[in-house]
Amino acid sequence: MSRIGKNPIAIPAGVEITVDNGVVTAKGPKGVLTQNFELVNVEVEEGNVVVSRSGESKDEKSKHGLYRSLISNIIEGVNNGFKTTQELVGVGYRATVEGQLLELNLGYSHTIFMQIPDEVSVTAEAVKGKPPVVIFESMDKQLVGQVAAKLRSFRPPEPYKGKGIKFAGEVLRRKAGKTSSK
């Protein structure tokens, strides 16, 4: 049995959960999120959400822990939200925000413009002596991760000098460069 799927999800104060026809809806201070589910049973009992399998097939077993995690994420999202911080490491790397448009200078000959979805709020900070920082916030964990991955794909960190876009606190595996021999 799935160890993750067996764990009940505690419902925090201020969050309302409804289960109806294969859809879980969570309403909280940040907004409303929904999650579809299949092949599992979802019940709200005694301030907890319990996810259980409806059978023992391989498909049902594989989706047990998955849907428990997805439902846990929407509950956490409507209550607290999610935040991702990325650093732009490199000489001349800059980021500015105008509304939902992120303008990036990443060492290319052109400027990159990235349209951010309305559900995600974006801020860019530049502190002297530190690399510029881009912060994404939203109640939808999947969307925040997708937008952060898209930003990182413009200039992934390279292992020799460490230049590129990396997550805050991420430790990069560095390589030694070439050495000259005589």
N, C-alpha and C. Protein backbone atom coordinates (compact mmCIF):
# COMPACT_ATOMS: atom_id res chain seq x y z
N MET A 1 0.84 -1.19 0.00
CA MET A 1 0.00 0.00 0.00
C MET A 1 0.88 1.24 0.00
N SER A 2 0.43 2.28 -0.64
CA SER A 2 1.19 3.52 -0.73
C SER A 2 1.35 4.14 0.65
N ARG A 3 2.59 4.42 1.02
CA ARG A 3 2.82 5.05 2.32
C ARG A 3 2.34 6.49 2.31
N ILE A 4 2.53 7.17 1.18
CA ILE A 4 2.07 8.56 1.09
C ILE A 4 0.54 8.59 1.05
N GLY A 5 -0.06 7.70 0.28
CA GLY A 5 -1.51 7.68 0.12
C GLY A 5 -2.26 7.38 1.41
N LYS A 6 -1.64 6.64 2.33
CA LYS A 6 -2.31 6.29 3.59
C LYS A 6 -2.45 7.48 4.53
N ASN A 7 -1.56 8.46 4.42
CA ASN A 7 -1.57 9.58 5.36
C ASN A 7 -2.78 10.48 5.13
N PRO A 8 -3.53 10.79 6.19
CA PRO A 8 -4.64 11.74 6.03
C PRO A 8 -4.09 13.16 5.88
N ILE A 9 -4.86 14.01 5.22
CA ILE A 9 -4.46 15.41 5.01
C ILE A 9 -5.27 16.26 5.98
N ALA A 10 -4.58 16.95 6.88
CA ALA A 10 -5.26 17.83 7.84
C ALA A 10 -5.77 19.07 7.12
N ILE A 11 -7.01 19.44 7.42
CA ILE A 11 -7.61 20.64 6.81
C ILE A 11 -7.36 21.81 7.75
N PRO A 12 -6.58 22.83 7.32
CA PRO A 12 -6.31 23.97 8.19
C PRO A 12 -7.55 24.84 8.39
N ALA A 13 -7.52 25.66 9.44
CA ALA A 13 -8.63 26.57 9.72
C ALA A 13 -8.75 27.58 8.57
N GLY A 14 -9.96 27.85 8.15
CA GLY A 14 -10.20 28.80 7.08
C GLY A 14 -10.25 28.18 5.69
N VAL A 15 -10.07 26.86 5.61
CA VAL A 15 -10.11 26.18 4.32
C VAL A 15 -11.33 25.26 4.31
N GLU A 16 -12.08 25.33 3.21
CA GLU A 16 -13.30 24.52 3.07
C GLU A 16 -13.10 23.56 1.90
N ILE A 17 -13.35 22.27 2.14
CA ILE A 17 -13.16 21.22 1.14
C ILE A 17 -14.51 20.62 0.78
N THR A 18 -14.77 20.48 -0.53
CA THR A 18 -15.96 19.78 -0.99
C THR A 18 -15.54 18.73 -2.02
N VAL A 19 -16.17 17.56 -1.93
CA VAL A 19 -15.90 16.47 -2.87
C VAL A 19 -17.20 16.19 -3.60
N ASP A 20 -17.14 16.25 -4.95
CA ASP A 20 -18.36 16.07 -5.73
C ASP A 20 -18.03 15.50 -7.09
N ASN A 21 -18.51 14.30 -7.39
CA ASN A 21 -18.42 13.73 -8.74
C ASN A 21 -17.01 13.68 -9.31
N GLY A 22 -16.04 13.21 -8.55
CA GLY A 22 -14.68 13.09 -9.06
C GLY A 22 -13.90 14.39 -9.08
N VAL A 23 -14.35 15.41 -8.34
CA VAL A 23 -13.67 16.69 -8.28
C VAL A 23 -13.58 17.14 -6.82
N VAL A 24 -12.36 17.49 -6.38
CA VAL A 24 -12.16 18.06 -5.05
C VAL A 24 -11.98 19.56 -5.23
N THR A 25 -12.75 20.35 -4.47
CA THR A 25 -12.66 21.81 -4.52
C THR A 25 -12.20 22.32 -3.17
N ALA A 26 -11.18 23.17 -3.18
CA ALA A 26 -10.67 23.76 -1.95
C ALA A 26 -10.84 25.27 -2.03
N LYS A 27 -11.50 25.85 -1.01
CA LYS A 27 -11.68 27.29 -0.93
C LYS A 27 -10.93 27.77 0.31
N GLY A 28 -10.12 28.82 0.13
CA GLY A 28 -9.35 29.33 1.24
C GLY A 28 -9.11 30.81 1.09
N PRO A 29 -8.26 31.38 1.96
CA PRO A 29 -8.00 32.82 1.92
C PRO A 29 -7.34 33.29 0.61
N LYS A 30 -6.60 32.43 -0.06
CA LYS A 30 -5.92 32.81 -1.30
C LYS A 30 -6.80 32.65 -2.54
N GLY A 31 -7.86 31.83 -2.46
CA GLY A 31 -8.72 31.63 -3.62
C GLY A 31 -9.30 30.23 -3.65
N VAL A 32 -9.65 29.77 -4.86
CA VAL A 32 -10.30 28.47 -5.06
C VAL A 32 -9.49 27.66 -6.07
N LEU A 33 -9.23 26.39 -5.74
CA LEU A 33 -8.57 25.46 -6.65
C LEU A 33 -9.36 24.17 -6.70
N THR A 34 -9.32 23.51 -7.87
CA THR A 34 -10.01 22.23 -8.02
C THR A 34 -9.01 21.18 -8.51
N GLN A 35 -9.29 19.92 -8.18
CA GLN A 35 -8.47 18.80 -8.65
C GLN A 35 -9.38 17.64 -9.01
N ASN A 36 -9.28 17.17 -10.25
CA ASN A 36 -10.02 15.99 -10.67
C ASN A 36 -9.30 14.74 -10.16
N PHE A 37 -10.05 13.67 -9.91
CA PHE A 37 -9.44 12.41 -9.52
C PHE A 37 -10.24 11.26 -10.07
N GLU A 38 -9.57 10.11 -10.21
CA GLU A 38 -10.22 8.89 -10.69
C GLU A 38 -9.54 7.69 -10.04
N LEU A 39 -10.25 6.59 -9.97
CA LEU A 39 -9.75 5.32 -9.44
C LEU A 39 -9.43 5.34 -7.95
N VAL A 40 -9.73 6.42 -7.25
CA VAL A 40 -9.56 6.48 -5.80
C VAL A 40 -10.83 7.06 -5.18
N ASN A 41 -10.99 6.84 -3.88
CA ASN A 41 -12.11 7.42 -3.13
C ASN A 41 -11.56 8.53 -2.24
N VAL A 42 -12.21 9.68 -2.24
CA VAL A 42 -11.80 10.81 -1.41
C VAL A 42 -12.96 11.14 -0.49
N GLU A 43 -12.68 11.19 0.82
CA GLU A 43 -13.70 11.49 1.82
C GLU A 43 -13.18 12.53 2.79
N VAL A 44 -14.09 13.39 3.26
CA VAL A 44 -13.76 14.37 4.29
C VAL A 44 -14.37 13.86 5.59
N GLU A 45 -13.50 13.60 6.58
CA GLU A 45 -14.01 13.11 7.87
C GLU A 45 -13.17 13.64 9.02
N GLU A 46 -13.83 14.23 9.99
CA GLU A 46 -13.21 14.73 11.23
C GLU A 46 -12.06 15.70 10.99
N GLY A 47 -12.22 16.64 10.09
CA GLY A 47 -11.20 17.64 9.84
C GLY A 47 -10.03 17.15 9.02
N ASN A 48 -10.16 15.98 8.40
CA ASN A 48 -9.11 15.42 7.56
C ASN A 48 -9.69 14.99 6.23
N VAL A 49 -8.84 14.97 5.20
CA VAL A 49 -9.21 14.40 3.91
C VAL A 49 -8.48 13.07 3.82
N VAL A 50 -9.25 12.01 3.54
CA VAL A 50 -8.69 10.67 3.46
C VAL A 50 -8.85 10.15 2.03
N VAL A 51 -7.74 9.70 1.46
CA VAL A 51 -7.74 9.14 0.10
C VAL A 51 -7.52 7.64 0.22
N SER A 52 -8.43 6.86 -0.39
CA SER A 52 -8.30 5.40 -0.34
C SER A 52 -8.53 4.84 -1.73
N ARG A 53 -7.98 3.64 -1.94
CA ARG A 53 -8.13 2.99 -3.24
C ARG A 53 -9.48 2.31 -3.32
N SER A 54 -10.01 2.25 -4.55
CA SER A 54 -11.28 1.55 -4.74
C SER A 54 -11.05 0.09 -5.12
N GLY A 55 -9.80 -0.29 -5.44
CA GLY A 55 -9.48 -1.66 -5.80
C GLY A 55 -8.00 -1.92 -5.64
N GLU A 56 -7.54 -3.03 -6.18
CA GLU A 56 -6.14 -3.41 -6.02
C GLU A 56 -5.39 -3.52 -7.35
N SER A 57 -5.91 -2.93 -8.42
CA SER A 57 -5.21 -3.02 -9.71
C SER A 57 -3.96 -2.14 -9.68
N LYS A 58 -3.07 -2.38 -10.62
CA LYS A 58 -1.81 -1.65 -10.69
C LYS A 58 -2.06 -0.16 -10.91
N ASP A 59 -3.04 0.18 -11.75
CA ASP A 59 -3.38 1.58 -12.01
C ASP A 59 -3.89 2.29 -10.76
N GLU A 60 -4.74 1.61 -10.01
CA GLU A 60 -5.28 2.20 -8.78
C GLU A 60 -4.19 2.39 -7.74
N LYS A 61 -3.28 1.44 -7.64
CA LYS A 61 -2.18 1.56 -6.69
C LYS A 61 -1.26 2.73 -7.05
N SER A 62 -1.01 2.92 -8.35
CA SER A 62 -0.10 3.98 -8.77
C SER A 62 -0.71 5.37 -8.56
N LYS A 63 -2.02 5.48 -8.64
CA LYS A 63 -2.65 6.80 -8.52
C LYS A 63 -3.02 7.16 -7.07
N HIS A 64 -2.90 6.22 -6.17
CA HIS A 64 -3.27 6.46 -4.77
C HIS A 64 -2.43 7.58 -4.17
N GLY A 65 -1.11 7.43 -4.19
CA GLY A 65 -0.23 8.45 -3.63
C GLY A 65 -0.22 9.73 -4.45
N LEU A 66 -0.37 9.59 -5.77
CA LEU A 66 -0.38 10.76 -6.64
C LEU A 66 -1.52 11.71 -6.28
N TYR A 67 -2.74 11.20 -6.21
CA TYR A 67 -3.88 12.07 -5.93
C TYR A 67 -3.85 12.61 -4.51
N ARG A 68 -3.29 11.84 -3.58
CA ARG A 68 -3.15 12.35 -2.21
C ARG A 68 -2.23 13.56 -2.21
N SER A 69 -1.12 13.50 -2.96
CA SER A 69 -0.18 14.61 -3.03
C SER A 69 -0.78 15.82 -3.75
N LEU A 70 -1.51 15.57 -4.83
CA LEU A 70 -2.13 16.68 -5.57
C LEU A 70 -3.18 17.39 -4.72
N ILE A 71 -3.98 16.62 -3.98
CA ILE A 71 -5.00 17.23 -3.11
C ILE A 71 -4.33 17.99 -1.97
N SER A 72 -3.26 17.44 -1.42
CA SER A 72 -2.50 18.13 -0.37
C SER A 72 -1.95 19.46 -0.89
N ASN A 73 -1.48 19.48 -2.14
CA ASN A 73 -0.93 20.70 -2.73
C ASN A 73 -1.99 21.78 -2.92
N ILE A 74 -3.21 21.40 -3.33
CA ILE A 74 -4.23 22.45 -3.50
C ILE A 74 -4.68 23.00 -2.15
N ILE A 75 -4.70 22.15 -1.12
CA ILE A 75 -5.06 22.63 0.22
C ILE A 75 -4.00 23.60 0.74
N GLU A 76 -2.74 23.23 0.57
CA GLU A 76 -1.63 24.10 0.98
C GLU A 76 -1.64 25.40 0.17
N GLY A 77 -1.96 25.31 -1.11
CA GLY A 77 -1.96 26.48 -1.99
C GLY A 77 -3.01 27.51 -1.63
N VAL A 78 -4.24 27.07 -1.35
CA VAL A 78 -5.30 28.03 -1.03
C VAL A 78 -5.11 28.60 0.37
N ASN A 79 -4.34 27.92 1.22
CA ASN A 79 -4.10 28.41 2.57
C ASN A 79 -2.88 29.34 2.61
N ASN A 80 -1.73 28.90 2.11
CA ASN A 80 -0.49 29.67 2.21
C ASN A 80 0.07 30.13 0.87
N GLY A 81 -0.13 29.36 -0.18
CA GLY A 81 0.45 29.68 -1.47
C GLY A 81 1.86 29.12 -1.58
N PHE A 82 2.44 29.24 -2.76
CA PHE A 82 3.78 28.73 -3.03
C PHE A 82 4.65 29.84 -3.59
N LYS A 83 5.94 29.74 -3.32
CA LYS A 83 6.89 30.78 -3.72
C LYS A 83 8.16 30.11 -4.23
N THR A 84 8.67 30.59 -5.36
CA THR A 84 9.92 30.10 -5.93
C THR A 84 10.83 31.29 -6.17
N THR A 85 12.08 31.16 -5.73
CA THR A 85 13.07 32.23 -5.90
C THR A 85 14.20 31.72 -6.79
N GLN A 86 14.55 32.50 -7.82
CA GLN A 86 15.62 32.14 -8.73
C GLN A 86 16.62 33.29 -8.83
N GLU A 87 17.91 32.92 -8.92
CA GLU A 87 18.98 33.90 -9.02
C GLU A 87 19.54 33.91 -10.44
N LEU A 88 19.85 35.10 -10.95
CA LEU A 88 20.47 35.25 -12.26
C LEU A 88 21.95 35.52 -12.04
N VAL A 89 22.78 34.48 -12.18
CA VAL A 89 24.20 34.58 -11.89
C VAL A 89 24.96 34.80 -13.19
N GLY A 90 25.61 35.95 -13.31
CA GLY A 90 26.39 36.25 -14.50
C GLY A 90 26.58 37.75 -14.65
N VAL A 91 27.65 38.15 -15.29
CA VAL A 91 27.94 39.57 -15.47
C VAL A 91 26.92 40.17 -16.43
N GLY A 92 26.26 41.23 -16.00
CA GLY A 92 25.30 41.93 -16.84
C GLY A 92 23.92 41.29 -16.91
N TYR A 93 23.67 40.23 -16.17
CA TYR A 93 22.35 39.60 -16.17
C TYR A 93 21.39 40.49 -15.38
N ARG A 94 20.25 40.80 -15.98
CA ARG A 94 19.27 41.68 -15.34
C ARG A 94 17.86 41.18 -15.61
N ALA A 95 16.95 41.54 -14.73
CA ALA A 95 15.53 41.23 -14.90
C ALA A 95 14.72 42.41 -14.42
N THR A 96 13.72 42.81 -15.22
CA THR A 96 12.79 43.86 -14.83
C THR A 96 11.38 43.39 -15.12
N VAL A 97 10.44 43.88 -14.34
CA VAL A 97 9.04 43.47 -14.47
C VAL A 97 8.19 44.68 -14.78
N GLU A 98 7.33 44.54 -15.80
CA GLU A 98 6.32 45.56 -16.11
C GLU A 98 4.99 44.84 -16.23
N GLY A 99 4.18 44.90 -15.18
CA GLY A 99 2.91 44.17 -15.16
C GLY A 99 3.18 42.68 -15.10
N GLN A 100 2.74 41.95 -16.12
CA GLN A 100 2.97 40.50 -16.19
C GLN A 100 4.02 40.15 -17.24
N LEU A 101 4.83 41.13 -17.64
CA LEU A 101 5.87 40.91 -18.63
C LEU A 101 7.23 40.99 -17.95
N LEU A 102 8.00 39.91 -18.06
CA LEU A 102 9.34 39.84 -17.47
C LEU A 102 10.35 40.07 -18.58
N GLU A 103 11.19 41.09 -18.41
CA GLU A 103 12.21 41.43 -19.40
C GLU A 103 13.56 40.97 -18.87
N LEU A 104 14.27 40.14 -19.66
CA LEU A 104 15.51 39.51 -19.21
C LEU A 104 16.67 39.86 -20.12
N ASN A 105 17.80 40.22 -19.53
CA ASN A 105 19.07 40.37 -20.24
C ASN A 105 19.98 39.28 -19.69
N LEU A 106 20.25 38.27 -20.52
CA LEU A 106 20.98 37.10 -20.05
C LEU A 106 22.26 36.84 -20.83
N GLY A 107 22.87 37.89 -21.36
CA GLY A 107 24.13 37.73 -22.06
C GLY A 107 23.98 37.39 -23.53
N TYR A 108 22.75 37.31 -24.01
CA TYR A 108 22.53 37.10 -25.44
C TYR A 108 22.57 38.44 -26.15
N SER A 109 22.56 38.42 -27.47
CA SER A 109 22.59 39.67 -28.24
C SER A 109 21.22 40.35 -28.24
N HIS A 110 20.20 39.68 -27.71
CA HIS A 110 18.85 40.23 -27.70
C HIS A 110 18.26 40.13 -26.30
N THR A 111 17.22 40.89 -26.08
CA THR A 111 16.49 40.85 -24.82
C THR A 111 15.39 39.81 -24.92
N ILE A 112 15.18 39.07 -23.84
CA ILE A 112 14.13 38.04 -23.81
C ILE A 112 12.94 38.60 -23.05
N PHE A 113 11.75 38.48 -23.64
CA PHE A 113 10.52 38.90 -22.99
C PHE A 113 9.71 37.64 -22.66
N MET A 114 9.28 37.52 -21.42
CA MET A 114 8.52 36.35 -20.98
C MET A 114 7.19 36.81 -20.40
N GLN A 115 6.09 36.35 -21.00
CA GLN A 115 4.76 36.69 -20.52
C GLN A 115 4.42 35.73 -19.38
N ILE A 116 4.08 36.27 -18.23
CA ILE A 116 3.76 35.48 -17.04
C ILE A 116 2.24 35.33 -16.95
N PRO A 117 1.72 34.12 -16.64
CA PRO A 117 0.27 33.94 -16.49
C PRO A 117 -0.29 34.84 -15.38
N ASP A 118 -1.57 35.20 -15.52
CA ASP A 118 -2.20 36.10 -14.56
C ASP A 118 -2.27 35.53 -13.14
N GLU A 119 -2.29 34.20 -13.01
CA GLU A 119 -2.40 33.57 -11.69
C GLU A 119 -1.11 33.67 -10.90
N VAL A 120 0.00 34.00 -11.56
CA VAL A 120 1.31 34.05 -10.91
C VAL A 120 1.73 35.51 -10.77
N SER A 121 2.16 35.90 -9.56
CA SER A 121 2.71 37.24 -9.38
C SER A 121 4.23 37.14 -9.43
N VAL A 122 4.85 38.09 -10.09
CA VAL A 122 6.30 38.06 -10.28
C VAL A 122 6.91 39.37 -9.79
N THR A 123 8.06 39.25 -9.12
CA THR A 123 8.81 40.43 -8.70
C THR A 123 10.28 40.18 -9.03
N ALA A 124 10.99 41.25 -9.34
CA ALA A 124 12.42 41.17 -9.62
C ALA A 124 13.13 42.14 -8.68
N GLU A 125 14.19 41.64 -8.04
CA GLU A 125 14.93 42.46 -7.10
C GLU A 125 16.41 42.46 -7.49
N ALA A 126 17.04 43.61 -7.36
CA ALA A 126 18.47 43.71 -7.63
C ALA A 126 19.11 44.43 -6.45
N VAL A 127 19.95 43.72 -5.71
CA VAL A 127 20.67 44.28 -4.57
C VAL A 127 22.15 44.34 -4.95
N LYS A 128 22.78 45.47 -4.68
CA LYS A 128 24.18 45.63 -5.06
C LYS A 128 25.05 44.59 -4.35
N GLY A 129 25.92 43.94 -5.11
CA GLY A 129 26.81 42.94 -4.56
C GLY A 129 26.25 41.53 -4.57
N LYS A 130 24.98 41.38 -4.96
CA LYS A 130 24.34 40.07 -5.05
C LYS A 130 23.71 39.91 -6.42
N PRO A 131 23.55 38.67 -6.89
CA PRO A 131 22.92 38.49 -8.20
C PRO A 131 21.44 38.90 -8.16
N PRO A 132 20.91 39.36 -9.31
CA PRO A 132 19.48 39.70 -9.36
C PRO A 132 18.62 38.47 -9.03
N VAL A 133 17.46 38.72 -8.44
CA VAL A 133 16.57 37.66 -7.99
C VAL A 133 15.20 37.85 -8.62
N VAL A 134 14.60 36.75 -9.10
CA VAL A 134 13.24 36.76 -9.62
C VAL A 134 12.41 35.86 -8.71
N ILE A 135 11.26 36.37 -8.23
CA ILE A 135 10.41 35.63 -7.29
C ILE A 135 9.04 35.43 -7.92
N PHE A 136 8.60 34.16 -7.98
CA PHE A 136 7.26 33.82 -8.47
C PHE A 136 6.43 33.37 -7.28
N GLU A 137 5.18 33.86 -7.20
CA GLU A 137 4.26 33.45 -6.14
C GLU A 137 2.89 33.16 -6.74
N SER A 138 2.26 32.07 -6.25
CA SER A 138 0.92 31.70 -6.70
C SER A 138 0.37 30.66 -5.75
N MET A 139 -0.92 30.39 -5.86
CA MET A 139 -1.51 29.31 -5.06
C MET A 139 -1.44 27.97 -5.77
N ASP A 140 -1.09 27.97 -7.07
CA ASP A 140 -1.02 26.75 -7.86
C ASP A 140 0.43 26.29 -7.97
N LYS A 141 0.79 25.21 -7.26
CA LYS A 141 2.17 24.72 -7.22
C LYS A 141 2.67 24.29 -8.59
N GLN A 142 1.81 23.63 -9.36
CA GLN A 142 2.22 23.16 -10.69
C GLN A 142 2.54 24.32 -11.60
N LEU A 143 1.74 25.37 -11.56
CA LEU A 143 1.96 26.53 -12.42
C LEU A 143 3.23 27.28 -12.04
N VAL A 144 3.50 27.44 -10.75
CA VAL A 144 4.72 28.10 -10.30
C VAL A 144 5.94 27.32 -10.77
N GLY A 145 5.90 26.00 -10.64
CA GLY A 145 7.01 25.17 -11.08
C GLY A 145 7.21 25.22 -12.58
N GLN A 146 6.13 25.26 -13.32
CA GLN A 146 6.22 25.32 -14.78
C GLN A 146 6.83 26.64 -15.24
N VAL A 147 6.40 27.75 -14.64
CA VAL A 147 6.93 29.07 -15.02
C VAL A 147 8.41 29.16 -14.63
N ALA A 148 8.76 28.64 -13.45
CA ALA A 148 10.16 28.67 -13.01
C ALA A 148 11.05 27.82 -13.93
N ALA A 149 10.54 26.67 -14.36
CA ALA A 149 11.30 25.81 -15.27
C ALA A 149 11.49 26.48 -16.63
N LYS A 150 10.47 27.20 -17.09
CA LYS A 150 10.57 27.92 -18.36
C LYS A 150 11.65 29.01 -18.27
N LEU A 151 11.67 29.76 -17.17
CA LEU A 151 12.67 30.80 -16.98
C LEU A 151 14.07 30.18 -16.94
N ARG A 152 14.24 29.08 -16.23
CA ARG A 152 15.53 28.42 -16.12
C ARG A 152 16.02 27.90 -17.48
N SER A 153 15.08 27.50 -18.35
CA SER A 153 15.46 26.95 -19.65
C SER A 153 16.11 27.99 -20.56
N PHE A 154 15.93 29.29 -20.29
CA PHE A 154 16.55 30.32 -21.11
C PHE A 154 18.07 30.34 -20.95
N ARG A 155 18.57 30.01 -19.75
CA ARG A 155 20.01 29.98 -19.50
C ARG A 155 20.28 29.07 -18.31
N PRO A 156 20.31 27.74 -18.55
CA PRO A 156 20.59 26.81 -17.44
C PRO A 156 22.00 27.04 -16.89
N PRO A 157 22.22 26.78 -15.61
CA PRO A 157 23.55 27.00 -15.05
C PRO A 157 24.58 26.05 -15.67
N GLU A 158 25.77 26.58 -15.93
CA GLU A 158 26.81 25.74 -16.52
C GLU A 158 27.81 25.36 -15.42
N PRO A 159 28.46 24.21 -15.55
CA PRO A 159 29.25 23.67 -14.43
C PRO A 159 30.64 24.28 -14.24
N TYR A 160 31.14 25.10 -15.19
CA TYR A 160 32.51 25.60 -15.07
C TYR A 160 32.59 26.91 -14.30
N LYS A 161 31.80 27.88 -14.67
CA LYS A 161 31.81 29.16 -13.95
C LYS A 161 30.58 29.34 -13.07
N GLY A 162 29.56 28.53 -13.25
CA GLY A 162 28.35 28.64 -12.46
C GLY A 162 27.38 29.70 -12.97
N LYS A 163 27.61 30.21 -14.18
CA LYS A 163 26.73 31.24 -14.73
C LYS A 163 25.42 30.62 -15.19
N GLY A 164 24.36 31.38 -15.07
CA GLY A 164 23.05 30.94 -15.53
C GLY A 164 21.97 31.26 -14.51
N ILE A 165 20.79 30.70 -14.72
CA ILE A 165 19.66 30.92 -13.81
C ILE A 165 19.54 29.69 -12.92
N LYS A 166 19.64 29.90 -11.62
CA LYS A 166 19.55 28.78 -10.68
C LYS A 166 18.56 29.12 -9.58
N PHE A 167 18.05 28.08 -8.95
CA PHE A 167 17.14 28.27 -7.82
C PHE A 167 17.95 28.75 -6.62
N ALA A 168 17.35 29.58 -5.77
CA ALA A 168 18.04 30.07 -4.58
C ALA A 168 18.35 28.88 -3.67
N GLY A 169 19.58 28.81 -3.22
CA GLY A 169 19.98 27.71 -2.35
C GLY A 169 20.42 26.46 -3.08
N GLU A 170 20.30 26.44 -4.40
CA GLU A 170 20.69 25.26 -5.17
C GLU A 170 22.21 25.14 -5.20
N VAL A 171 22.71 23.95 -4.97
CA VAL A 171 24.14 23.70 -5.01
C VAL A 171 24.46 23.07 -6.36
N LEU A 172 25.32 23.73 -7.11
CA LEU A 172 25.70 23.24 -8.44
C LEU A 172 26.97 22.40 -8.33
N ARG A 173 27.02 21.34 -9.11
CA ARG A 173 28.22 20.52 -9.17
C ARG A 173 29.19 21.20 -10.12
N ARG A 174 30.31 21.65 -9.59
CA ARG A 174 31.27 22.39 -10.39
C ARG A 174 32.36 21.47 -10.92
N LYS A 175 32.87 21.80 -12.11
CA LYS A 175 33.94 21.04 -12.74
C LYS A 175 35.19 21.90 -12.82
N ALA A 176 36.33 21.26 -12.80
CA ALA A 176 37.58 21.97 -12.99
C ALA A 176 37.77 22.21 -14.48
N GLY A 177 38.37 23.34 -14.81
CA GLY A 177 38.63 23.65 -16.21
C GLY A 177 39.88 22.93 -16.71
N LYS A 178 40.26 23.25 -17.92
CA LYS A 178 41.46 22.64 -18.49
C LYS A 178 42.69 23.17 -17.79
N THR A 179 43.70 22.31 -17.71
CA THR A 179 44.98 22.77 -17.18
C THR A 179 46.02 22.66 -18.29
N SER A 180 46.96 23.57 -18.27
CA SER A 180 47.98 23.54 -19.31
C SER A 180 49.08 22.58 -18.91
N SER A 181 49.61 21.87 -19.89
CA SER A 181 50.70 20.93 -19.61
C SER A 181 51.92 21.28 -20.43
N LYS A 182 53.09 21.00 -19.88
CA LYS A 182 54.33 21.33 -20.60
C LYS A 182 55.07 20.10 -20.98
